[in-house]
Amino acid sequence: MNKEIELLNNKIDAQDKIINTQALEIARLNNLKTATDEAQEIIIDLQQRIDKAIEYIRETGLYCDYGDLCNQSATELLKILGDKK
């Protein structure tokens, strides 16, 4: 009987270790997901700011078509910002 109780206790201990390991892994993955979500929000915010900068440069007439020398620095800035037009 004592041997059976000892086996049950060992089994319970092993299951506790597995559960604890899984809980730690879940916590690690949740932290990773949170960090990924925050990074994604930052990327979206930065892209929106870049889009606004491109729009501002275009709307204020600070640039000319690519290749035109009237405002080469604004044109270069648009290229750096990734303007597709």
PDB file of N, CA and C in Angstrom:
ATOM      1  N   MET A   1       0.827  -1.198   0.000  1.00  0.00           N
ATOM      2  CA  MET A   1       0.000   0.000   0.000  1.00  0.00           C
ATOM      3  C   MET A   1       0.871   1.261   0.000  1.00  0.00           C
ATOM      4  N   ASN A   2       1.922   1.284   0.831  1.00  0.00           N
ATOM      5  CA  ASN A   2       2.820   2.444   0.874  1.00  0.00           C
ATOM      6  C   ASN A   2       3.513   2.655  -0.456  1.00  0.00           C
ATOM      7  N   LYS A   3       3.844   1.556  -1.131  1.00  0.00           N
ATOM      8  CA  LYS A   3       4.503   1.663  -2.423  1.00  0.00           C
ATOM      9  C   LYS A   3       3.549   2.283  -3.449  1.00  0.00           C
ATOM     10  N   GLU A   4       2.272   1.928  -3.397  1.00  0.00           N
ATOM     11  CA  GLU A   4       1.283   2.498  -4.303  1.00  0.00           C
ATOM     12  C   GLU A   4       1.101   3.992  -4.044  1.00  0.00           C
ATOM     13  N   ILE A   5       1.084   4.382  -2.780  1.00  0.00           N
ATOM     14  CA  ILE A   5       0.967   5.801  -2.418  1.00  0.00           C
ATOM     15  C   ILE A   5       2.196   6.556  -2.906  1.00  0.00           C
ATOM     16  N   GLU A   6       3.353   5.967  -2.749  1.00  0.00           N
ATOM     17  CA  GLU A   6       4.594   6.606  -3.211  1.00  0.00           C
ATOM     18  C   GLU A   6       4.573   6.776  -4.727  1.00  0.00           C
ATOM     19  N   LEU A   7       4.099   5.762  -5.449  1.00  0.00           N
ATOM     20  CA  LEU A   7       3.989   5.866  -6.908  1.00  0.00           C
ATOM     21  C   LEU A   7       3.016   6.963  -7.314  1.00  0.00           C
ATOM     22  N   LEU A   8       1.886   7.040  -6.613  1.00  0.00           N
ATOM     23  CA  LEU A   8       0.913   8.099  -6.891  1.00  0.00           C
ATOM     24  C   LEU A   8       1.504   9.475  -6.619  1.00  0.00           C
ATOM     25  N   ASN A   9       2.220   9.618  -5.508  1.00  0.00           N
ATOM     26  CA  ASN A   9       2.873  10.898  -5.184  1.00  0.00           C
ATOM     27  C   ASN A   9       3.899  11.277  -6.248  1.00  0.00           C
ATOM     28  N   ASN A  10       4.664  10.286  -6.713  1.00  0.00           N
ATOM     29  CA  ASN A  10       5.656  10.550  -7.766  1.00  0.00           C
ATOM     30  C   ASN A  10       4.967  10.984  -9.061  1.00  0.00           C
ATOM     31  N   LYS A  11       3.848  10.321  -9.352  1.00  0.00           N
ATOM     32  CA  LYS A  11       3.092  10.679 -10.553  1.00  0.00           C
ATOM     33  C   LYS A  11       2.540  12.099 -10.428  1.00  0.00           C
ATOM     34  N   ILE A  12       2.004  12.434  -9.269  1.00  0.00           N
ATOM     35  CA  ILE A  12       1.480  13.782  -9.036  1.00  0.00           C
ATOM     36  C   ILE A  12       2.596  14.813  -9.136  1.00  0.00           C
ATOM     37  N   ASP A  13       3.762  14.512  -8.563  1.00  0.00           N
ATOM     38  CA  ASP A  13       4.905  15.428  -8.646  1.00  0.00           C
ATOM     39  C   ASP A  13       5.324  15.646 -10.090  1.00  0.00           C
ATOM     40  N   ALA A  14       5.362  14.563 -10.871  1.00  0.00           N
ATOM     41  CA  ALA A  14       5.749  14.672 -12.274  1.00  0.00           C
ATOM     42  C   ALA A  14       4.741  15.518 -13.041  1.00  0.00           C
ATOM     43  N   GLN A  15       3.453  15.307 -12.764  1.00  0.00           N
ATOM     44  CA  GLN A  15       2.418  16.097 -13.439  1.00  0.00           C
ATOM     45  C   GLN A  15       2.500  17.560 -13.023  1.00  0.00           C
ATOM     46  N   ASP A  16       2.789  17.824 -11.761  1.00  0.00           N
ATOM     47  CA  ASP A  16       2.962  19.208 -11.296  1.00  0.00           C
ATOM     48  C   ASP A  16       4.110  19.887 -12.027  1.00  0.00           C
ATOM     49  N   LYS A  17       5.210  19.167 -12.219  1.00  0.00           N
ATOM     50  CA  LYS A  17       6.357  19.738 -12.931  1.00  0.00           C
ATOM     51  C   LYS A  17       5.986  20.058 -14.380  1.00  0.00           C
ATOM     52  N   ILE A  18       5.234  19.145 -14.993  1.00  0.00           N
ATOM     53  CA  ILE A  18       4.804  19.380 -16.380  1.00  0.00           C
ATOM     54  C   ILE A  18       3.896  20.600 -16.442  1.00  0.00           C
ATOM     55  N   ILE A  19       2.945  20.686 -15.535  1.00  0.00           N
ATOM     56  CA  ILE A  19       2.014  21.823 -15.508  1.00  0.00           C
ATOM     57  C   ILE A  19       2.770  23.121 -15.266  1.00  0.00           C
ATOM     58  N   ASN A  20       3.715  23.116 -14.335  1.00  0.00           N
ATOM     59  CA  ASN A  20       4.502  24.325 -14.054  1.00  0.00           C
ATOM     60  C   ASN A  20       5.321  24.741 -15.274  1.00  0.00           C
ATOM     61  N   THR A  21       5.908  23.772 -15.944  1.00  0.00           N
ATOM     62  CA  THR A  21       6.689  24.066 -17.148  1.00  0.00           C
ATOM     63  C   THR A  21       5.796  24.656 -18.226  1.00  0.00           C
ATOM     64  N   GLN A  22       4.611  24.072 -18.401  1.00  0.00           N
ATOM     65  CA  GLN A  22       3.682  24.584 -19.401  1.00  0.00           C
ATOM     66  C   GLN A  22       3.186  25.978 -19.031  1.00  0.00           C
ATOM     67  N   ALA A  23       2.938  26.220 -17.759  1.00  0.00           N
ATOM     68  CA  ALA A  23       2.494  27.548 -17.318  1.00  0.00           C
ATOM     69  C   ALA A  23       3.570  28.590 -17.596  1.00  0.00           C
ATOM     70  N   LEU A  24       4.823  28.242 -17.334  1.00  0.00           N
ATOM     71  CA  LEU A  24       5.924  29.168 -17.620  1.00  0.00           C
ATOM     72  C   LEU A  24       6.043  29.440 -19.115  1.00  0.00           C
ATOM     73  N   GLU A  25       5.864  28.414 -19.917  1.00  0.00           N
ATOM     74  CA  GLU A  25       5.935  28.587 -21.374  1.00  0.00           C
ATOM     75  C   GLU A  25       4.786  29.460 -21.870  1.00  0.00           C
ATOM     76  N   ILE A  26       3.603  29.265 -21.337  1.00  0.00           N
ATOM     77  CA  ILE A  26       2.457  30.104 -21.708  1.00  0.00           C
ATOM     78  C   ILE A  26       2.725  31.561 -21.330  1.00  0.00           C
ATOM     79  N   ALA A  27       3.268  31.785 -20.152  1.00  0.00           N
ATOM     80  CA  ALA A  27       3.589  33.154 -19.722  1.00  0.00           C
ATOM     81  C   ALA A  27       4.631  33.776 -20.648  1.00  0.00           C
ATOM     82  N   ARG A  28       5.637  32.991 -21.037  1.00  0.00           N
ATOM     83  CA  ARG A  28       6.680  33.488 -21.942  1.00  0.00           C
ATOM     84  C   ARG A  28       6.074  33.843 -23.296  1.00  0.00           C
ATOM     85  N   LEU A  29       5.204  32.982 -23.805  1.00  0.00           N
ATOM     86  CA  LEU A  29       4.574  33.241 -25.096  1.00  0.00           C
ATOM     87  C   LEU A  29       3.643  34.447 -25.035  1.00  0.00           C
ATOM     88  N   ASN A  30       2.945  34.617 -23.918  1.00  0.00           N
ATOM     89  CA  ASN A  30       2.083  35.792 -23.752  1.00  0.00           C
ATOM     90  C   ASN A  30       2.910  37.073 -23.754  1.00  0.00           C
ATOM     91  N   ASN A  31       4.066  37.039 -23.078  1.00  0.00           N
ATOM     92  CA  ASN A  31       4.958  38.206 -23.075  1.00  0.00           C
ATOM     93  C   ASN A  31       5.474  38.498 -24.472  1.00  0.00           C
ATOM     94  N   LEU A  32       5.812  37.443 -25.196  1.00  0.00           N
ATOM     95  CA  LEU A  32       6.296  37.605 -26.562  1.00  0.00           C
ATOM     96  C   LEU A  32       5.204  38.183 -27.452  1.00  0.00           C
ATOM     97  N   LYS A  33       3.973  37.698 -27.302  1.00  0.00           N
ATOM     98  CA  LYS A  33       2.849  38.217 -28.085  1.00  0.00           C
ATOM     99  C   LYS A  33       2.604  39.683 -27.759  1.00  0.00           C
ATOM    100  N   THR A  34       2.671  40.034 -26.478  1.00  0.00           N
ATOM    101  CA  THR A  34       2.477  41.426 -26.076  1.00  0.00           C
ATOM    102  C   THR A  34       3.545  42.314 -26.713  1.00  0.00           C
ATOM    103  N   ALA A  35       4.798  41.866 -26.670  1.00  0.00           N
ATOM    104  CA  ALA A  35       5.888  42.644 -27.269  1.00  0.00           C
ATOM    105  C   ALA A  35       5.697  42.766 -28.773  1.00  0.00           C
ATOM    106  N   THR A  36       5.256  41.693 -29.407  1.00  0.00           N
ATOM    107  CA  THR A  36       5.010  41.717 -30.849  1.00  0.00           C
ATOM    108  C   THR A  36       3.872  42.665 -31.193  1.00  0.00           C
ATOM    109  N   ASP A  37       2.808  42.621 -30.407  1.00  0.00           N
ATOM    110  CA  ASP A  37       1.676  43.529 -30.629  1.00  0.00           C
ATOM    111  C   ASP A  37       2.104  44.985 -30.471  1.00  0.00           C
ATOM    112  N   GLU A  38       2.915  45.262 -29.451  1.00  0.00           N
ATOM    113  CA  GLU A  38       3.390  46.633 -29.233  1.00  0.00           C
ATOM    114  C   GLU A  38       4.282  47.081 -30.383  1.00  0.00           C
ATOM    115  N   ALA A  39       5.137  46.190 -30.863  1.00  0.00           N
ATOM    116  CA  ALA A  39       6.008  46.523 -31.996  1.00  0.00           C
ATOM    117  C   ALA A  39       5.172  46.796 -33.236  1.00  0.00           C
ATOM    118  N   GLN A  40       4.132  46.004 -33.433  1.00  0.00           N
ATOM    119  CA  GLN A  40       3.245  46.206 -34.584  1.00  0.00           C
ATOM    120  C   GLN A  40       2.554  47.565 -34.504  1.00  0.00           C
ATOM    121  N   GLU A  41       2.113  47.943 -33.306  1.00  0.00           N
ATOM    122  CA  GLU A  41       1.478  49.258 -33.130  1.00  0.00           C
ATOM    123  C   GLU A  41       2.461  50.380 -33.441  1.00  0.00           C
ATOM    124  N   ILE A  42       3.706  50.227 -33.021  1.00  0.00           N
ATOM    125  CA  ILE A  42       4.733  51.237 -33.298  1.00  0.00           C
ATOM    126  C   ILE A  42       4.980  51.345 -34.797  1.00  0.00           C
ATOM    127  N   ILE A  43       5.052  50.202 -35.472  1.00  0.00           N
ATOM    128  CA  ILE A  43       5.276  50.202 -36.925  1.00  0.00           C
ATOM    129  C   ILE A  43       4.124  50.892 -37.638  1.00  0.00           C
ATOM    130  N   ILE A  44       2.901  50.584 -37.229  1.00  0.00           N
ATOM    131  CA  ILE A  44       1.729  51.216 -37.849  1.00  0.00           C
ATOM    132  C   ILE A  44       1.764  52.721 -37.618  1.00  0.00           C
ATOM    133  N   ASP A  45       2.102  53.141 -36.386  1.00  0.00           N
ATOM    134  CA  ASP A  45       2.172  54.569 -36.069  1.00  0.00           C
ATOM    135  C   ASP A  45       3.240  55.257 -36.919  1.00  0.00           C
ATOM    136  N   LEU A  46       4.393  54.631 -37.037  1.00  0.00           N
ATOM    137  CA  LEU A  46       5.469  55.222 -37.842  1.00  0.00           C
ATOM    138  C   LEU A  46       5.068  55.322 -39.315  1.00  0.00           C
ATOM    139  N   GLN A  47       4.401  54.300 -39.818  1.00  0.00           N
ATOM    140  CA  GLN A  47       3.971  54.342 -41.216  1.00  0.00           C
ATOM    141  C   GLN A  47       2.956  55.459 -41.435  1.00  0.00           C
ATOM    142  N   GLN A  48       2.069  55.644 -40.458  1.00  0.00           N
ATOM    143  CA  GLN A  48       1.088  56.730 -40.570  1.00  0.00           C
ATOM    144  C   GLN A  48       1.784  58.082 -40.556  1.00  0.00           C
ATOM    145  N   ARG A  49       2.797  58.220 -39.729  1.00  0.00           N
ATOM    146  CA  ARG A  49       3.549  59.486 -39.693  1.00  0.00           C
ATOM    147  C   ARG A  49       4.281  59.742 -41.002  1.00  0.00           C
ATOM    148  N   ILE A  50       4.867  58.686 -41.558  1.00  0.00           N
ATOM    149  CA  ILE A  50       5.556  58.821 -42.846  1.00  0.00           C
ATOM    150  C   ILE A  50       4.558  59.215 -43.926  1.00  0.00           C
ATOM    151  N   ASP A  51       3.395  58.560 -43.925  1.00  0.00           N
ATOM    152  CA  ASP A  51       2.358  58.896 -44.911  1.00  0.00           C
ATOM    153  C   ASP A  51       1.923  60.350 -44.775  1.00  0.00           C
ATOM    154  N   LYS A  52       1.778  60.820 -43.529  1.00  0.00           N
ATOM    155  CA  LYS A  52       1.404  62.221 -43.306  1.00  0.00           C
ATOM    156  C   LYS A  52       2.498  63.167 -43.793  1.00  0.00           C
ATOM    157  N   ALA A  53       3.752  62.797 -43.572  1.00  0.00           N
ATOM    158  CA  ALA A  53       4.865  63.632 -44.033  1.00  0.00           C
ATOM    159  C   ALA A  53       4.868  63.714 -45.557  1.00  0.00           C
ATOM    160  N   ILE A  54       4.659  62.584 -46.207  1.00  0.00           N
ATOM    161  CA  ILE A  54       4.603  62.574 -47.671  1.00  0.00           C
ATOM    162  C   ILE A  54       3.448  63.445 -48.153  1.00  0.00           C
ATOM    163  N   GLU A  55       2.303  63.278 -47.526  1.00  0.00           N
ATOM    164  CA  GLU A  55       1.127  64.064 -47.898  1.00  0.00           C
ATOM    165  C   GLU A  55       1.390  65.558 -47.700  1.00  0.00           C
ATOM    166  N   TYR A  56       2.028  65.910 -46.588  1.00  0.00           N
ATOM    167  CA  TYR A  56       2.332  67.320 -46.305  1.00  0.00           C
ATOM    168  C   TYR A  56       3.263  67.893 -47.371  1.00  0.00           C
ATOM    169  N   ILE A  57       4.294  67.158 -47.704  1.00  0.00           N
ATOM    170  CA  ILE A  57       5.251  67.636 -48.706  1.00  0.00           C
ATOM    171  C   ILE A  57       4.548  67.841 -50.042  1.00  0.00           C
ATOM    172  N   ARG A  58       3.683  66.897 -50.401  1.00  0.00           N
ATOM    173  CA  ARG A  58       2.959  67.009 -51.677  1.00  0.00           C
ATOM    174  C   ARG A  58       1.970  68.182 -51.657  1.00  0.00           C
ATOM    175  N   GLU A  59       1.214  68.315 -50.555  1.00  0.00           N
ATOM    176  CA  GLU A  59       0.176  69.354 -50.477  1.00  0.00           C
ATOM    177  C   GLU A  59       0.753  70.760 -50.421  1.00  0.00           C
ATOM    178  N   THR A  60       1.894  70.935 -49.793  1.00  0.00           N
ATOM    179  CA  THR A  60       2.470  72.275 -49.652  1.00  0.00           C
ATOM    180  C   THR A  60       3.265  72.705 -50.871  1.00  0.00           C
ATOM    181  N   GLY A  61       3.375  71.813 -51.836  1.00  0.00           N
ATOM    182  CA  GLY A  61       4.105  72.167 -53.048  1.00  0.00           C
ATOM    183  C   GLY A  61       5.594  72.284 -52.815  1.00  0.00           C
ATOM    184  N   LEU A  62       6.093  71.615 -51.804  1.00  0.00           N
ATOM    185  CA  LEU A  62       7.516  71.687 -51.502  1.00  0.00           C
ATOM    186  C   LEU A  62       8.360  70.824 -52.435  1.00  0.00           C
ATOM    187  N   TYR A  63       7.714  70.144 -53.349  1.00  0.00           N
ATOM    188  CA  TYR A  63       8.492  69.299 -54.232  1.00  0.00           C
ATOM    189  C   TYR A  63       8.027  69.497 -55.661  1.00  0.00           C
ATOM    190  N   CYS A  64       8.844  69.040 -56.560  1.00  0.00           N
ATOM    191  CA  CYS A  64       8.481  68.997 -57.970  1.00  0.00           C
ATOM    192  C   CYS A  64       8.607  67.544 -58.412  1.00  0.00           C
ATOM    193  N   ASP A  65       8.153  67.252 -59.597  1.00  0.00           N
ATOM    194  CA  ASP A  65       8.260  65.875 -60.081  1.00  0.00           C
ATOM    195  C   ASP A  65       9.712  65.432 -60.038  1.00  0.00           C
ATOM    196  N   TYR A  66       9.896  64.142 -59.850  1.00  0.00           N
ATOM    197  CA  TYR A  66      11.265  63.606 -59.833  1.00  0.00           C
ATOM    198  C   TYR A  66      11.993  64.030 -61.091  1.00  0.00           C
ATOM    199  N   GLY A  67      13.208  64.431 -60.925  1.00  0.00           N
ATOM    200  CA  GLY A  67      14.010  64.858 -62.060  1.00  0.00           C
ATOM    201  C   GLY A  67      13.991  66.365 -62.273  1.00  0.00           C
ATOM    202  N   ASP A  68      12.989  67.045 -61.739  1.00  0.00           N
ATOM    203  CA  ASP A  68      12.916  68.502 -61.855  1.00  0.00           C
ATOM    204  C   ASP A  68      13.837  69.084 -60.792  1.00  0.00           C
ATOM    205  N   LEU A  69      14.630  70.077 -61.128  1.00  0.00           N
ATOM    206  CA  LEU A  69      15.620  70.627 -60.209  1.00  0.00           C
ATOM    207  C   LEU A  69      15.073  71.719 -59.295  1.00  0.00           C
ATOM    208  N   CYS A  70      13.782  72.078 -59.385  1.00  0.00           N
ATOM    209  CA  CYS A  70      13.267  73.214 -58.618  1.00  0.00           C
ATOM    210  C   CYS A  70      13.326  72.973 -57.107  1.00  0.00           C
ATOM    211  N   ASN A  71      13.183  71.764 -56.649  1.00  0.00           N
ATOM    212  CA  ASN A  71      13.328  71.496 -55.215  1.00  0.00           C
ATOM    213  C   ASN A  71      13.787  70.055 -55.015  1.00  0.00           C
ATOM    214  N   GLN A  72      15.043  69.857 -55.306  1.00  0.00           N
ATOM    215  CA  GLN A  72      15.603  68.514 -55.285  1.00  0.00           C
ATOM    216  C   GLN A  72      15.624  67.914 -53.884  1.00  0.00           C
ATOM    217  N   SER A  73      15.799  68.727 -52.852  1.00  0.00           N
ATOM    218  CA  SER A  73      15.866  68.176 -51.494  1.00  0.00           C
ATOM    219  C   SER A  73      14.525  67.578 -51.065  1.00  0.00           C
ATOM    220  N   ALA A  74      13.414  68.246 -51.397  1.00  0.00           N
ATOM    221  CA  ALA A  74      12.096  67.699 -51.062  1.00  0.00           C
ATOM    222  C   ALA A  74      11.847  66.422 -51.852  1.00  0.00           C
ATOM    223  N   THR A  75      12.274  66.403 -53.104  1.00  0.00           N
ATOM    224  CA  THR A  75      12.121  65.206 -53.923  1.00  0.00           C
ATOM    225  C   THR A  75      12.923  64.056 -53.318  1.00  0.00           C
ATOM    226  N   GLU A  76      14.124  64.333 -52.882  1.00  0.00           N
ATOM    227  CA  GLU A  76      14.954  63.307 -52.253  1.00  0.00           C
ATOM    228  C   GLU A  76      14.332  62.829 -50.943  1.00  0.00           C
ATOM    229  N   LEU A  77      13.759  63.767 -50.201  1.00  0.00           N
ATOM    230  CA  LEU A  77      13.078  63.400 -48.948  1.00  0.00           C
ATOM    231  C   LEU A  77      11.911  62.458 -49.243  1.00  0.00           C
ATOM    232  N   LEU A  78      11.159  62.730 -50.255  1.00  0.00           N
ATOM    233  CA  LEU A  78      10.055  61.838 -50.631  1.00  0.00           C
ATOM    234  C   LEU A  78      10.576  60.438 -50.974  1.00  0.00           C
ATOM    235  N   LYS A  79      11.690  60.389 -51.679  1.00  0.00           N
ATOM    236  CA  LYS A  79      12.283  59.093 -52.017  1.00  0.00           C
ATOM    237  C   LYS A  79      12.695  58.350 -50.741  1.00  0.00           C
ATOM    238  N   ILE A  80      13.330  59.075 -49.818  1.00  0.00           N
ATOM    239  CA  ILE A  80      13.767  58.469 -48.561  1.00  0.00           C
ATOM    240  C   ILE A  80      12.572  57.945 -47.766  1.00  0.00           C
ATOM    241  N   LEU A  81      11.482  58.695 -47.789  1.00  0.00           N
ATOM    242  CA  LEU A  81      10.290  58.291 -47.045  1.00  0.00           C
ATOM    243  C   LEU A  81       9.545  57.148 -47.724  1.00  0.00           C
ATOM    244  N   GLY A  82       9.968  56.798 -48.918  1.00  0.00           N
ATOM    245  CA  GLY A  82       9.364  55.670 -49.606  1.00  0.00           C
ATOM    246  C   GLY A  82       8.149  56.012 -50.429  1.00  0.00           C
ATOM    247  N   ASP A  83       8.059  57.269 -50.866  1.00  0.00           N
ATOM    248  CA  ASP A  83       6.936  57.684 -51.696  1.00  0.00           C
ATOM    249  C   ASP A  83       6.950  56.863 -52.983  1.00  0.00           C
ATOM    250  N   LYS A  84       5.814  56.284 -53.302  1.00  0.00           N
ATOM    251  CA  LYS A  84       5.719  55.410 -54.466  1.00  0.00           C
ATOM    252  C   LYS A  84       5.390  56.171 -55.740  1.00  0.00           C
ATOM    253  N   LYS A  85       4.969  57.428 -55.644  1.00  0.00           N
ATOM    254  CA  LYS A  85       4.554  58.189 -56.823  1.00  0.00           C
ATOM    255  C   LYS A  85       5.710  58.921 -57.439  1.00  0.00           C
TER     256      LYS A  85
END
